[in-house]
Structure formats: structure tokens, C-alpha cells
N, C-alpha and C. Protein backbone atom coordinates (compact mmCIF):
# COMPACT_ATOMS: atom_id res chain seq x y z
N UNK A 1 0.85 -1.18 0.00
CA UNK A 1 0.00 0.00 0.00
C UNK A 1 0.89 1.24 0.00
N UNK A 2 1.05 1.86 -1.14
CA UNK A 2 1.90 3.04 -1.22
C UNK A 2 1.24 4.29 -0.65
N UNK A 3 -0.03 4.19 -0.28
CA UNK A 3 -0.68 5.33 0.37
C UNK A 3 0.03 5.69 1.66
N UNK A 4 0.60 4.69 2.35
CA UNK A 4 1.35 4.98 3.59
C UNK A 4 2.56 5.84 3.30
N UNK A 5 3.29 5.55 2.24
CA UNK A 5 4.47 6.35 1.93
C UNK A 5 4.07 7.75 1.46
N UNK A 6 2.95 7.87 0.80
CA UNK A 6 2.46 9.18 0.39
C UNK A 6 2.09 10.01 1.61
N UNK A 7 1.40 9.40 2.56
CA UNK A 7 1.04 10.10 3.79
C UNK A 7 2.29 10.48 4.59
N UNK A 8 3.26 9.60 4.64
CA UNK A 8 4.49 9.91 5.34
C UNK A 8 5.16 11.14 4.73
N UNK A 9 5.26 11.19 3.41
CA UNK A 9 5.86 12.33 2.72
C UNK A 9 5.01 13.59 2.93
N UNK A 10 3.70 13.45 2.91
CA UNK A 10 2.80 14.56 3.13
C UNK A 10 3.02 15.17 4.51
N UNK A 11 3.08 14.31 5.53
CA UNK A 11 3.27 14.80 6.89
C UNK A 11 4.64 15.46 7.08
N UNK A 12 5.66 14.92 6.43
CA UNK A 12 6.98 15.54 6.49
C UNK A 12 6.95 16.94 5.87
N UNK A 13 6.32 17.05 4.71
CA UNK A 13 6.25 18.34 4.02
C UNK A 13 5.46 19.36 4.84
N UNK A 14 4.33 18.95 5.40
CA UNK A 14 3.50 19.86 6.18
C UNK A 14 4.26 20.28 7.44
N UNK A 15 4.94 19.34 8.06
CA UNK A 15 5.73 19.65 9.26
C UNK A 15 6.80 20.69 8.94
N UNK A 16 7.48 20.52 7.82
CA UNK A 16 8.52 21.48 7.41
C UNK A 16 7.92 22.87 7.17
N UNK A 17 6.76 22.93 6.52
CA UNK A 17 6.11 24.21 6.27
C UNK A 17 5.65 24.85 7.58
N UNK A 18 5.13 24.04 8.48
CA UNK A 18 4.69 24.55 9.77
C UNK A 18 5.87 25.13 10.56
N UNK A 19 7.00 24.43 10.56
CA UNK A 19 8.20 24.94 11.23
C UNK A 19 8.67 26.25 10.59
N UNK A 20 8.67 26.30 9.28
CA UNK A 20 9.13 27.49 8.56
C UNK A 20 8.27 28.71 8.88
N UNK A 21 7.02 28.50 9.22
CA UNK A 21 6.10 29.60 9.53
C UNK A 21 5.82 29.73 11.03
N UNK A 22 6.55 28.97 11.84
CA UNK A 22 6.35 28.98 13.31
C UNK A 22 4.91 28.69 13.70
N UNK A 23 4.27 27.79 12.97
CA UNK A 23 2.88 27.44 13.24
C UNK A 23 2.76 26.67 14.55
N UNK A 24 1.68 26.92 15.25
CA UNK A 24 1.41 26.21 16.50
C UNK A 24 0.46 25.03 16.27
N UNK A 25 -0.26 25.06 15.16
CA UNK A 25 -1.19 23.97 14.85
C UNK A 25 -1.52 24.00 13.36
N UNK A 26 -1.90 22.85 12.85
CA UNK A 26 -2.42 22.73 11.49
C UNK A 26 -3.87 22.29 11.63
N UNK A 27 -4.77 22.99 10.94
CA UNK A 27 -6.20 22.72 11.07
C UNK A 27 -6.79 21.92 9.91
N UNK A 28 -6.22 22.11 8.71
CA UNK A 28 -6.78 21.42 7.56
C UNK A 28 -5.73 21.32 6.45
N UNK A 29 -5.76 20.18 5.76
CA UNK A 29 -4.92 19.97 4.58
C UNK A 29 -5.85 19.67 3.41
N UNK A 30 -5.54 20.25 2.27
CA UNK A 30 -6.29 19.94 1.06
C UNK A 30 -5.32 19.34 0.05
N UNK A 31 -5.67 18.16 -0.44
CA UNK A 31 -4.84 17.44 -1.38
C UNK A 31 -5.67 17.14 -2.63
N UNK A 32 -5.08 17.42 -3.80
CA UNK A 32 -5.73 17.10 -5.08
C UNK A 32 -5.12 15.80 -5.60
N UNK A 33 -5.99 14.83 -5.90
CA UNK A 33 -5.53 13.53 -6.38
C UNK A 33 -6.25 13.18 -7.67
N UNK A 34 -5.48 12.93 -8.70
CA UNK A 34 -6.04 12.56 -9.99
C UNK A 34 -6.54 11.13 -10.00
N UNK A 35 -7.56 10.89 -10.77
CA UNK A 35 -8.13 9.54 -10.89
C UNK A 35 -7.12 8.54 -11.44
N UNK A 36 -6.13 9.03 -12.21
CA UNK A 36 -5.13 8.14 -12.80
C UNK A 36 -3.82 8.12 -12.00
N UNK A 37 -3.85 8.66 -10.78
CA UNK A 37 -2.62 8.74 -9.97
C UNK A 37 -2.27 7.41 -9.30
N UNK A 38 -3.19 6.47 -9.32
CA UNK A 38 -2.92 5.18 -8.68
C UNK A 38 -3.06 5.23 -7.18
N UNK A 39 -3.81 6.20 -6.69
CA UNK A 39 -4.01 6.36 -5.25
C UNK A 39 -5.48 6.17 -4.94
N UNK A 40 -5.76 5.35 -3.95
CA UNK A 40 -7.13 5.17 -3.49
C UNK A 40 -7.41 6.19 -2.39
N UNK A 41 -8.27 7.18 -2.64
CA UNK A 41 -8.52 8.22 -1.65
C UNK A 41 -8.96 7.69 -0.29
N UNK A 42 -9.77 6.62 -0.26
CA UNK A 42 -10.21 6.07 1.02
C UNK A 42 -9.03 5.48 1.80
N UNK A 43 -8.13 4.78 1.10
CA UNK A 43 -6.95 4.22 1.76
C UNK A 43 -6.02 5.34 2.22
N UNK A 44 -5.91 6.40 1.42
CA UNK A 44 -5.09 7.54 1.81
C UNK A 44 -5.63 8.17 3.08
N UNK A 45 -6.94 8.34 3.15
CA UNK A 45 -7.57 8.93 4.33
C UNK A 45 -7.36 8.05 5.57
N UNK A 46 -7.48 6.75 5.40
CA UNK A 46 -7.26 5.83 6.53
C UNK A 46 -5.81 5.86 6.98
N UNK A 47 -4.88 5.90 6.03
CA UNK A 47 -3.46 5.99 6.38
C UNK A 47 -3.18 7.30 7.11
N UNK A 48 -3.79 8.38 6.66
CA UNK A 48 -3.62 9.68 7.30
C UNK A 48 -4.13 9.63 8.74
N UNK A 49 -5.30 9.05 8.95
CA UNK A 49 -5.85 8.94 10.31
C UNK A 49 -4.89 8.19 11.22
N UNK A 50 -4.25 7.18 10.69
CA UNK A 50 -3.33 6.35 11.48
C UNK A 50 -2.03 7.09 11.79
N UNK A 51 -1.45 7.77 10.81
CA UNK A 51 -0.13 8.36 10.96
C UNK A 51 -0.09 9.77 11.53
N UNK A 52 -1.20 10.48 11.56
CA UNK A 52 -1.17 11.86 12.01
C UNK A 52 -1.01 12.01 13.52
N UNK A 53 -1.33 10.96 14.27
CA UNK A 53 -1.20 11.02 15.73
C UNK A 53 0.24 11.38 16.11
N UNK A 54 0.35 12.32 17.04
CA UNK A 54 1.67 12.72 17.51
C UNK A 54 2.40 13.70 16.61
N UNK A 55 1.73 14.17 15.55
CA UNK A 55 2.33 15.15 14.65
C UNK A 55 1.59 16.48 14.80
N UNK A 56 2.10 17.50 14.16
CA UNK A 56 1.42 18.79 14.18
C UNK A 56 0.05 18.71 13.49
N UNK A 57 -0.18 17.64 12.75
CA UNK A 57 -1.46 17.43 12.05
C UNK A 57 -2.43 16.56 12.85
N UNK A 58 -2.12 16.34 14.12
CA UNK A 58 -2.92 15.42 14.94
C UNK A 58 -4.42 15.72 14.90
N UNK A 59 -4.78 16.99 14.81
CA UNK A 59 -6.20 17.37 14.80
C UNK A 59 -6.64 17.96 13.47
N UNK A 60 -5.78 17.86 12.48
CA UNK A 60 -6.07 18.47 11.18
C UNK A 60 -6.93 17.57 10.31
N UNK A 61 -7.92 18.17 9.71
CA UNK A 61 -8.79 17.47 8.76
C UNK A 61 -8.06 17.32 7.43
N UNK A 62 -8.25 16.20 6.78
CA UNK A 62 -7.70 15.97 5.44
C UNK A 62 -8.85 16.04 4.44
N UNK A 63 -8.76 16.99 3.51
CA UNK A 63 -9.75 17.12 2.45
C UNK A 63 -9.11 16.64 1.15
N UNK A 64 -9.75 15.69 0.51
CA UNK A 64 -9.24 15.15 -0.74
C UNK A 64 -10.14 15.59 -1.88
N UNK A 65 -9.56 16.29 -2.84
CA UNK A 65 -10.29 16.71 -4.03
C UNK A 65 -9.87 15.81 -5.19
N UNK A 66 -10.84 15.20 -5.83
CA UNK A 66 -10.57 14.31 -6.96
C UNK A 66 -10.43 15.13 -8.24
N UNK A 67 -9.52 14.71 -9.10
CA UNK A 67 -9.31 15.36 -10.39
C UNK A 67 -9.55 14.30 -11.47
N UNK A 68 -10.50 14.57 -12.35
CA UNK A 68 -10.83 13.63 -13.42
C UNK A 68 -9.72 13.60 -14.47
N UNK A 69 -9.59 12.46 -15.10
CA UNK A 69 -8.65 12.34 -16.22
C UNK A 69 -9.11 13.22 -17.37
N UNK A 70 -8.15 13.84 -18.05
CA UNK A 70 -8.46 14.62 -19.25
C UNK A 70 -7.41 14.30 -20.29
N UNK A 71 -7.86 13.68 -21.38
CA UNK A 71 -6.99 13.28 -22.48
C UNK A 71 -7.20 14.23 -23.65
N UNK A 72 -6.09 14.66 -24.26
CA UNK A 72 -6.15 15.63 -25.35
C UNK A 72 -5.22 15.18 -26.47
N UNK A 73 -5.63 15.47 -27.70
CA UNK A 73 -4.76 15.21 -28.85
C UNK A 73 -3.65 16.26 -28.86
N UNK A 74 -2.37 15.83 -28.88
CA UNK A 74 -1.28 16.80 -28.86
C UNK A 74 -1.12 17.58 -30.17
N UNK A 75 -1.76 17.10 -31.23
CA UNK A 75 -1.62 17.75 -32.53
C UNK A 75 -2.73 18.78 -32.76
N UNK A 76 -3.97 18.35 -32.64
CA UNK A 76 -5.08 19.26 -32.96
C UNK A 76 -5.78 19.82 -31.72
N UNK A 77 -5.43 19.32 -30.53
CA UNK A 77 -6.00 19.87 -29.30
C UNK A 77 -7.39 19.38 -28.94
N UNK A 78 -7.91 18.44 -29.68
CA UNK A 78 -9.24 17.91 -29.41
C UNK A 78 -9.23 17.13 -28.09
N UNK A 79 -10.24 17.38 -27.24
CA UNK A 79 -10.39 16.65 -25.99
C UNK A 79 -11.19 15.38 -26.24
N UNK A 80 -10.70 14.27 -25.72
CA UNK A 80 -11.40 13.00 -25.91
C UNK A 80 -12.45 12.82 -24.83
N UNK A 81 -13.53 12.19 -25.20
CA UNK A 81 -14.60 11.89 -24.26
C UNK A 81 -14.15 10.81 -23.28
N UNK A 82 -14.71 10.84 -22.09
CA UNK A 82 -14.40 9.82 -21.09
C UNK A 82 -14.75 8.44 -21.62
N UNK A 83 -13.81 7.50 -21.51
CA UNK A 83 -14.03 6.13 -21.94
C UNK A 83 -13.75 5.89 -23.42
N UNK A 84 -13.37 6.94 -24.14
CA UNK A 84 -13.10 6.79 -25.58
C UNK A 84 -11.76 6.09 -25.80
N UNK A 85 -11.57 5.59 -27.00
CA UNK A 85 -10.28 5.05 -27.41
C UNK A 85 -9.29 6.21 -27.34
N UNK A 86 -8.08 5.93 -26.86
CA UNK A 86 -7.13 7.01 -26.61
C UNK A 86 -6.34 7.43 -27.85
N UNK A 87 -7.09 7.70 -28.91
CA UNK A 87 -6.51 8.30 -30.11
C UNK A 87 -7.55 9.26 -30.68
N UNK A 88 -7.06 10.29 -31.32
CA UNK A 88 -7.91 11.36 -31.83
C UNK A 88 -8.78 10.86 -33.00
N UNK A 89 -10.05 11.15 -32.93
CA UNK A 89 -10.95 10.80 -34.03
C UNK A 89 -10.65 11.63 -35.27
N UNK A 90 -10.15 12.85 -35.06
CA UNK A 90 -9.89 13.75 -36.18
C UNK A 90 -8.62 13.43 -36.95
N UNK A 91 -7.50 13.23 -36.23
CA UNK A 91 -6.22 13.05 -36.93
C UNK A 91 -5.54 11.71 -36.64
N UNK A 92 -6.11 10.93 -35.72
CA UNK A 92 -5.59 9.60 -35.45
C UNK A 92 -4.38 9.53 -34.53
N UNK A 93 -3.91 10.67 -34.04
CA UNK A 93 -2.74 10.69 -33.15
C UNK A 93 -3.11 10.15 -31.76
N UNK A 94 -2.15 9.49 -31.08
CA UNK A 94 -2.40 9.05 -29.71
C UNK A 94 -2.64 10.25 -28.80
N UNK A 95 -3.56 10.09 -27.88
CA UNK A 95 -3.89 11.16 -26.95
C UNK A 95 -2.83 11.27 -25.86
N UNK A 96 -2.78 12.44 -25.24
CA UNK A 96 -1.85 12.70 -24.14
C UNK A 96 -2.68 13.03 -22.89
N UNK A 97 -2.27 12.46 -21.77
CA UNK A 97 -2.94 12.74 -20.50
C UNK A 97 -2.54 14.13 -20.04
N UNK A 98 -3.50 15.04 -19.94
CA UNK A 98 -3.23 16.43 -19.56
C UNK A 98 -3.60 16.72 -18.11
N UNK A 99 -4.44 15.91 -17.51
CA UNK A 99 -4.83 16.08 -16.11
C UNK A 99 -5.34 14.76 -15.60
N UNK A 100 -5.20 14.58 -14.30
CA UNK A 100 -5.75 13.38 -13.68
C UNK A 100 -4.72 12.42 -13.14
N UNK A 101 -3.42 12.75 -13.27
CA UNK A 101 -2.40 11.86 -12.70
C UNK A 101 -1.64 12.55 -11.56
N UNK A 102 -2.14 13.70 -11.12
CA UNK A 102 -1.42 14.47 -10.11
C UNK A 102 -1.74 14.07 -8.68
N UNK A 103 -0.79 14.36 -7.81
CA UNK A 103 -0.96 14.29 -6.37
C UNK A 103 -0.35 15.60 -5.86
N UNK A 104 -1.20 16.54 -5.46
CA UNK A 104 -0.75 17.88 -5.12
C UNK A 104 -1.25 18.29 -3.74
N UNK A 105 -0.32 18.74 -2.91
CA UNK A 105 -0.69 19.37 -1.64
C UNK A 105 -1.13 20.78 -2.00
N UNK A 106 -2.41 20.98 -2.04
CA UNK A 106 -3.00 22.23 -2.54
C UNK A 106 -3.00 23.33 -1.48
N UNK A 107 -3.28 22.96 -0.23
CA UNK A 107 -3.48 24.00 0.79
C UNK A 107 -3.17 23.45 2.18
N UNK A 108 -2.53 24.29 2.99
CA UNK A 108 -2.31 24.00 4.40
C UNK A 108 -2.91 25.14 5.19
N UNK A 109 -3.86 24.84 6.04
CA UNK A 109 -4.43 25.86 6.92
C UNK A 109 -3.81 25.66 8.29
N UNK A 110 -3.01 26.65 8.71
CA UNK A 110 -2.30 26.52 9.97
C UNK A 110 -2.47 27.76 10.84
N UNK A 111 -2.25 27.57 12.10
CA UNK A 111 -2.35 28.66 13.06
C UNK A 111 -0.94 29.19 13.31
N UNK A 112 -0.78 30.49 13.05
CA UNK A 112 0.52 31.14 13.20
C UNK A 112 0.36 32.26 14.21
N UNK A 113 1.28 32.34 15.18
CA UNK A 113 1.16 33.41 16.19
C UNK A 113 1.35 34.79 15.59
């Protein structure tokens, strides 16, 4: 389950940001996860609940925003419909994934003196 390693890296990053800003608490984290990122949001949330104890995020809520896959033809710019064959109907070129594979720490809400 690589969600544990993702949560570990997330908590390290948030801890570093909190230290850099002299934060006394973190209240909420917002993470954007693409549907094609290979991450199960429910497993990520469970891993977060397990690992946040004893960290500055001990009471922080984790908000996960899903990002849908978006495939586009790199030649003509046509967006492919969800579930379509991954080649352009217009020019036949293979599509390129433009969104939906990201894992981004979007926002940290922290208390700073």
C-alpha cells in the first residue's frame, strides 16, 4: 500500500512548512488527487488517520479533491470523451494525458502566532 508512503511524505512536508512559519497547529490539509494517480482516496484517508497522531497534524482534517482524467490530442488539441479510445478521431494521433495523474498538496491551513 503506497498510500502509507504518500502520507508519510505529506506529513513531512507539512511539518517542514509549519516549522518554517512557526505554526502552532495545522487545522486542515487539502490534497488534489487525480483519478489516474494510482491512489485510493479512502486508503489515503485511513493511512492519514493512522499516521497523524503525535504530529502537528494530529487534529487536522484531510480534504481530498478528486481530479478527473483529461486526455487531449497533442496535434489538434481535441479533448477525448471519457471512456473513448485514446486516439484522436480527427487526426488519429495518440492522446496525451493532460490532467488526472497528479498528487498535489494544494493548501495547508495553519495557526501562526
